[in-house]
Amino acid sequence: MLVAFTFWQRHLENGSRRQPLLKVSMFKNIRFSAIFVLVGCFFASFNSFVVFATYFYQDYLYLSELETTLRFLPAGISGVSAFLTSVVLISFVVSPALSRIRGFYILLVGLVCGIGSPFLLALPAIPPETSYWAYGFPAMCLCFSAEIIWPVSSLFIAEELPQENQALGGGLLQTANNVGRALGLTIGTAVRTSIQGNNNGGYPGDADLLRGLRAAQWVNVGLAVTSTAIALVFFHNLGRH
């Protein structure tokens, strides 16, 4: 159905007076297409990191809901702050920065932070009983990466498309975000289940559960690295916007 929809929209765009829902010709722009893959992979990693970190604290360490919430507090504070001040963030922080610093460098900072969060929880060299402040706290603080990637990506879409197509581009970007989150969690869960095996890991300190959760976090690292590679290949010359 997706293929048929694509051909139908292409027909409407090229051979009909009717307006298509989706202008397929927009995807001839390589960087325009690449930004959707980048956003999809990044948020696949970010969303899965949060989910499997929750499993680590609640199922493996067997912490209470309150104790788990406290460990996510640094990520929550940055997320809520960004939500409440999103207009201020984009208007007075991100946009001015993009006018002075190459957008590629800002994008790269966000992507590297996105790699760091799951990487800290995936390392087998860090014993699970290590203090939260040694690796859990910095992993949560790095979650602010999402608040860098999204504004930069949105501003890129606004810059790349003509005004009449900007709303469509923004909708497609949000779709890439949501599809990436769903696919990332699906892939991570499949990897975790295959590594963990038949052991349900329903008790604290279970070694199979820990291996499965770390494997899922390595998947998240790989997805974030993929986003970074896309940025290096397609957006290394991203100028000032």
Foldseek 3Di string as FASTA:
>chain_A
DVVVLLVVLCCCVPPHPDHHPDDPVVVVPPVLVLLLLLLLLLLLLLLQLVVLLLCCVCQAVVDDPVVSVVLLVLLVVLVVVCVVCVVVCLPPPQQVCLQPDFLLVLLLLLLVLSLQLLVLLLDPVDDSVPDCVVRSNSSSNSSNSVVSSVSSSLVVLVVSDPPVCSVVSVVSSVVSSVVSNVVSNVVLVVQLCVQLDPDPSRHYNDPSNSNSSSRSSVSSSVSSVVSSVSCVVSVVVRGRD
